PDB file of N, CA and C in Angstrom:
ATOM      1  N   MET A   1     196.793  73.266  18.056  1.00  0.00           N
ATOM      2  CA  MET A   1     195.427  74.049  17.335  1.00  0.00           C
ATOM      3  C   MET A   1     194.891  74.747  17.310  1.00  0.00           C
ATOM      4  N   HIS A   2     194.376  75.863  16.851  1.00  0.00           N
ATOM      5  CA  HIS A   2     194.386  77.147  16.412  1.00  0.00           C
ATOM      6  C   HIS A   2     192.444  77.460  17.722  1.00  0.00           C
ATOM      7  N   SER A   3     192.110  78.325  17.714  1.00  0.00           N
ATOM      8  CA  SER A   3     190.934  78.546  18.604  1.00  0.00           C
ATOM      9  C   SER A   3     189.531  79.850  17.322  1.00  0.00           C
ATOM     10  N   SER A   4     190.762  79.444  16.527  1.00  0.00           N
ATOM     11  CA  SER A   4     189.856  79.972  15.345  1.00  0.00           C
ATOM     12  C   SER A   4     189.395  79.177  14.565  1.00  0.00           C
ATOM     13  N   ALA A   5     190.507  78.599  14.318  1.00  0.00           N
ATOM     14  CA  ALA A   5     189.597  77.089  13.312  1.00  0.00           C
ATOM     15  C   ALA A   5     188.132  77.245  13.956  1.00  0.00           C
ATOM     16  N   TRP A   6     188.886  76.222  15.154  1.00  0.00           N
ATOM     17  CA  TRP A   6     187.187  76.012  15.607  1.00  0.00           C
ATOM     18  C   TRP A   6     185.979  76.901  15.734  1.00  0.00           C
ATOM     19  N   TYR A   7     186.117  78.100  15.618  1.00  0.00           N
ATOM     20  CA  TYR A   7     185.730  78.953  16.066  1.00  0.00           C
ATOM     21  C   TYR A   7     184.784  79.604  13.959  1.00  0.00           C
ATOM     22  N   ASN A   8     185.609  79.267  12.951  1.00  0.00           N
ATOM     23  CA  ASN A   8     185.081  79.025  11.764  1.00  0.00           C
ATOM     24  C   ASN A   8     184.428  77.914  11.372  1.00  0.00           C
ATOM     25  N   LEU A   9     185.049  76.699  12.473  1.00  0.00           N
ATOM     26  CA  LEU A   9     184.164  76.183  12.000  1.00  0.00           C
ATOM     27  C   LEU A   9     182.458  75.752  12.152  1.00  0.00           C
ATOM     28  N   GLY A  10     182.283  76.379  13.975  1.00  0.00           N
ATOM     29  CA  GLY A  10     181.237  77.104  14.032  1.00  0.00           C
ATOM     30  C   GLY A  10     180.496  77.996  13.980  1.00  0.00           C
ATOM     31  N   LEU A  11     180.419  78.849  12.706  1.00  0.00           N
ATOM     32  CA  LEU A  11     180.847  79.111  11.560  1.00  0.00           C
ATOM     33  C   LEU A  11     179.310  77.989  10.700  1.00  0.00           C
ATOM     34  N   LEU A  12     180.546  77.555  10.382  1.00  0.00           N
ATOM     35  CA  LEU A  12     179.817  77.049   8.807  1.00  0.00           C
ATOM     36  C   LEU A  12     179.368  76.101   9.376  1.00  0.00           C
ATOM     37  N   LEU A  13     178.875  75.117  10.999  1.00  0.00           N
ATOM     38  CA  LEU A  13     178.157  74.886  10.892  1.00  0.00           C
ATOM     39  C   LEU A  13     176.579  75.234  11.368  1.00  0.00           C
ATOM     40  N   ARG A  14     176.787  76.667  12.235  1.00  0.00           N
ATOM     41  CA  ARG A  14     175.599  77.158  12.649  1.00  0.00           C
ATOM     42  C   ARG A  14     174.436  77.532  10.919  1.00  0.00           C
ATOM     43  N   ASP A  15     175.189  77.218  10.490  1.00  0.00           N
ATOM     44  CA  ASP A  15     174.204  77.487   8.935  1.00  0.00           C
ATOM     45  C   ASP A  15     174.162  76.271   8.325  1.00  0.00           C
ATOM     46  N   GLU A  16     173.524  75.343   8.919  1.00  0.00           N
ATOM     47  CA  GLU A  16     173.042  73.792   8.929  1.00  0.00           C
ATOM     48  C   GLU A  16     172.329  73.646   9.179  1.00  0.00           C
ATOM     49  N   GLY A  17     171.924  74.728  10.038  1.00  0.00           N
ATOM     50  CA  GLY A  17     170.286  74.456  11.087  1.00  0.00           C
ATOM     51  C   GLY A  17     170.259  73.669  12.332  1.00  0.00           C
ATOM     52  N   PRO A  18     169.081  74.011  12.278  1.00  0.00           N
ATOM     53  CA  PRO A  18     168.270  73.682  14.432  1.00  0.00           C
ATOM     54  C   PRO A  18     169.485  72.475  14.395  1.00  0.00           C
ATOM     55  N   MET A  19     169.997  70.746  13.395  1.00  0.00           N
ATOM     56  CA  MET A  19     170.534  69.523  13.226  1.00  0.00           C
ATOM     57  C   MET A  19     170.856  69.469  14.201  1.00  0.00           C
ATOM     58  N   ALA A  20     171.934  71.370  13.932  1.00  0.00           N
ATOM     59  CA  ALA A  20     173.655  71.336  13.785  1.00  0.00           C
ATOM     60  C   ALA A  20     173.767  71.502  15.164  1.00  0.00           C
ATOM     61  N   SER A  21     173.120  71.936  16.396  1.00  0.00           N
ATOM     62  CA  SER A  21     173.042  73.463  17.277  1.00  0.00           C
ATOM     63  C   SER A  21     174.033  72.121  18.030  1.00  0.00           C
ATOM     64  N   ARG A  22     174.176  71.492  18.833  1.00  0.00           N
ATOM     65  CA  ARG A  22     174.718  70.226  19.469  1.00  0.00           C
ATOM     66  C   ARG A  22     176.575  70.847  18.738  1.00  0.00           C
ATOM     67  N   GLU A  23     177.001  70.551  17.367  1.00  0.00           N
ATOM     68  CA  GLU A  23     177.929  70.389  17.647  1.00  0.00           C
ATOM     69  C   GLU A  23     178.849  71.113  17.057  1.00  0.00           C
ATOM     70  N   VAL A  24     177.334  72.801  16.679  1.00  0.00           N
ATOM     71  CA  VAL A  24     177.565  74.569  16.880  1.00  0.00           C
ATOM     72  C   VAL A  24     178.293  75.091  18.168  1.00  0.00           C
ATOM     73  N   ALA A  25     177.617  74.696  19.486  1.00  0.00           N
ATOM     74  CA  ALA A  25     177.883  75.196  20.434  1.00  0.00           C
ATOM     75  C   ALA A  25     179.315  74.359  21.139  1.00  0.00           C
ATOM     76  N   ASP A  26     179.415  72.725  20.745  1.00  0.00           N
ATOM     77  CA  ASP A  26     181.128  72.372  20.871  1.00  0.00           C
ATOM     78  C   ASP A  26     182.208  73.518  20.534  1.00  0.00           C
ATOM     79  N   CYS A  27     181.147  73.317  19.119  1.00  0.00           N
ATOM     80  CA  CYS A  27     182.945  74.111  18.077  1.00  0.00           C
ATOM     81  C   CYS A  27     183.266  75.806  19.485  1.00  0.00           C
ATOM     82  N   PHE A  28     181.878  76.421  19.088  1.00  0.00           N
ATOM     83  CA  PHE A  28     182.547  78.077  19.928  1.00  0.00           C
ATOM     84  C   PHE A  28     182.816  76.814  21.623  1.00  0.00           C
ATOM     85  N   LYS A  29     182.553  76.167  22.410  1.00  0.00           N
ATOM     86  CA  LYS A  29     183.145  75.978  23.241  1.00  0.00           C
ATOM     87  C   LYS A  29     184.865  75.503  23.278  1.00  0.00           C
ATOM     88  N   ALA A  30     185.154  74.371  22.352  1.00  0.00           N
ATOM     89  CA  ALA A  30     186.326  74.437  22.644  1.00  0.00           C
ATOM     90  C   ALA A  30     186.908  75.404  21.296  1.00  0.00           C
ATOM     91  N   ALA A  31     186.896  76.236  21.408  1.00  0.00           N
ATOM     92  CA  ALA A  31     187.235  78.148  21.024  1.00  0.00           C
ATOM     93  C   ALA A  31     187.505  78.300  21.439  1.00  0.00           C
ATOM     94  N   SER A  32     187.115  78.549  22.807  1.00  0.00           N
ATOM     95  CA  SER A  32     186.727  79.580  24.070  1.00  0.00           C
ATOM     96  C   SER A  32     188.455  78.302  24.810  1.00  0.00           C
ATOM     97  N   VAL A  33     188.596  77.655  25.031  1.00  0.00           N
ATOM     98  CA  VAL A  33     189.214  76.908  25.681  1.00  0.00           C
ATOM     99  C   VAL A  33     191.008  77.109  25.612  1.00  0.00           C
ATOM    100  N   ILE A  34     190.328  76.689  23.778  1.00  0.00           N
ATOM    101  CA  ILE A  34     191.377  76.491  23.146  1.00  0.00           C
ATOM    102  C   ILE A  34     192.361  78.524  23.640  1.00  0.00           C
ATOM    103  N   LYS A  35     191.435  79.008  23.303  1.00  0.00           N
ATOM    104  CA  LYS A  35     191.943  81.098  23.913  1.00  0.00           C
ATOM    105  C   LYS A  35     192.670  80.695  24.532  1.00  0.00           C
ATOM    106  N   GLY A  36     191.759  80.028  25.870  1.00  0.00           N
ATOM    107  CA  GLY A  36     192.428  80.574  27.191  1.00  0.00           C
ATOM    108  C   GLY A  36     193.762  80.005  27.507  1.00  0.00           C
ATOM    109  N   MET A  37     193.672  78.381  26.437  1.00  0.00           N
ATOM    110  CA  MET A  37     195.194  77.757  26.838  1.00  0.00           C
ATOM    111  C   MET A  37     196.354  78.776  26.169  1.00  0.00           C
ATOM    112  N   GLU A  38     195.823  79.676  25.200  1.00  0.00           N
ATOM    113  CA  GLU A  38     196.474  80.178  24.272  1.00  0.00           C
ATOM    114  C   GLU A  38     196.977  81.010  24.733  1.00  0.00           C
ATOM    115  N   PHE A  39     196.721  82.260  25.896  1.00  0.00           N
ATOM    116  CA  PHE A  39     197.048  83.006  26.728  1.00  0.00           C
ATOM    117  C   PHE A  39     197.831  82.765  27.465  1.00  0.00           C
ATOM    118  N   ILE A  40     197.665  81.662  27.933  1.00  0.00           N
ATOM    119  CA  ILE A  40     197.957  80.724  29.464  1.00  0.00           C
ATOM    120  C   ILE A  40     199.816  80.169  28.963  1.00  0.00           C
ATOM    121  N   SER A  41     199.373  80.276  27.882  1.00  0.00           N
ATOM    122  CA  SER A  41     200.808  79.480  27.035  1.00  0.00           C
ATOM    123  C   SER A  41     201.934  80.825  27.314  1.00  0.00           C
ATOM    124  N   SER A  42     201.200  81.627  26.584  1.00  0.00           N
ATOM    125  CA  SER A  42     201.956  82.947  26.876  1.00  0.00           C
ATOM    126  C   SER A  42     202.359  83.738  27.632  1.00  0.00           C
ATOM    127  N   LEU A  43     202.432  83.914  28.139  1.00  0.00           N
ATOM    128  CA  LEU A  43     202.409  84.425  29.932  1.00  0.00           C
ATOM    129  C   LEU A  43     203.139  83.310  29.793  1.00  0.00           C
ATOM    130  N   PHE A  44     202.842  81.849  30.163  1.00  0.00           N
ATOM    131  CA  PHE A  44     204.030  81.358  30.727  1.00  0.00           C
ATOM    132  C   PHE A  44     205.498  81.167  29.732  1.00  0.00           C
ATOM    133  N   PHE A  45     204.925  81.149  28.724  1.00  0.00           N
ATOM    134  CA  PHE A  45     206.806  81.338  27.790  1.00  0.00           C
ATOM    135  C   PHE A  45     207.335  82.966  27.844  1.00  0.00           C
ATOM    136  N   ILE A  46     206.876  83.899  28.465  1.00  0.00           N
ATOM    137  CA  ILE A  46     207.499  85.244  28.917  1.00  0.00           C
ATOM    138  C   ILE A  46     207.732  85.362  29.732  1.00  0.00           C
ATOM    139  N   TYR A  47     207.711  84.720  31.031  1.00  0.00           N
ATOM    140  CA  TYR A  47     208.181  84.266  32.124  1.00  0.00           C
ATOM    141  C   TYR A  47     208.784  82.820  32.608  1.00  0.00           C
ATOM    142  N   LYS A  48     208.991  81.991  31.020  1.00  0.00           N
ATOM    143  CA  LYS A  48     210.488  80.537  31.432  1.00  0.00           C
ATOM    144  C   LYS A  48     211.450  81.512  30.763  1.00  0.00           C
ATOM    145  N   HIS A  49     210.688  82.780  29.837  1.00  0.00           N
ATOM    146  CA  HIS A  49     212.032  83.489  28.422  1.00  0.00           C
ATOM    147  C   HIS A  49     213.064  84.930  29.921  1.00  0.00           C
ATOM    148  N   THR A  50     211.979  85.458  30.972  1.00  0.00           N
ATOM    149  CA  THR A  50     212.660  86.017  31.726  1.00  0.00           C
ATOM    150  C   THR A  50     213.029  85.775  32.496  1.00  0.00           C
ATOM    151  N   MET A  51     212.574  84.519  33.283  1.00  0.00           N
ATOM    152  CA  MET A  51     213.714  83.746  33.973  1.00  0.00           C
ATOM    153  C   MET A  51     215.260  83.612  34.139  1.00  0.00           C
ATOM    154  N   PHE A  52     215.392  82.649  32.420  1.00  0.00           N
ATOM    155  CA  PHE A  52     216.211  82.998  31.751  1.00  0.00           C
ATOM    156  C   PHE A  52     217.358  84.208  31.607  1.00  0.00           C
ATOM    157  N   TYR A  53     216.463  85.091  31.215  1.00  0.00           N
ATOM    158  CA  TYR A  53     217.320  86.455  31.850  1.00  0.00           C
ATOM    159  C   TYR A  53     218.075  86.386  32.804  1.00  0.00           C
ATOM    160  N   PHE A  54     217.205  86.616  33.791  1.00  0.00           N
ATOM    161  CA  PHE A  54     217.847  86.522  35.019  1.00  0.00           C
ATOM    162  C   PHE A  54     219.482  85.196  35.205  1.00  0.00           C
ATOM    163  N   ILE A  55     218.790  84.005  34.784  1.00  0.00           N
ATOM    164  CA  ILE A  55     219.451  83.423  35.709  1.00  0.00           C
ATOM    165  C   ILE A  55     220.622  83.287  34.426  1.00  0.00           C
ATOM    166  N   SER A  56     221.068  83.173  33.949  1.00  0.00           N
ATOM    167  CA  SER A  56     222.196  84.328  32.530  1.00  0.00           C
ATOM    168  C   SER A  56     222.751  85.450  33.686  1.00  0.00           C
ATOM    169  N   LEU A  57     222.294  85.909  33.433  1.00  0.00           N
ATOM    170  CA  LEU A  57     222.403  87.674  34.622  1.00  0.00           C
ATOM    171  C   LEU A  57     224.016  87.363  35.182  1.00  0.00           C
TER     172      LEU A  57
END
């Protein structure tokens, strides 16, 4: 799942007016959480492949 999809959905819903404000906030929150998970996932990927390199030496 991509954070940009949730962000863009939030932008679309924002144009719907004040009745959609809760959904907009939820979309932006989801985008933020997923973006943080993508960063952590990339760090784990680097760590995993670095450890594999040192173990295989």
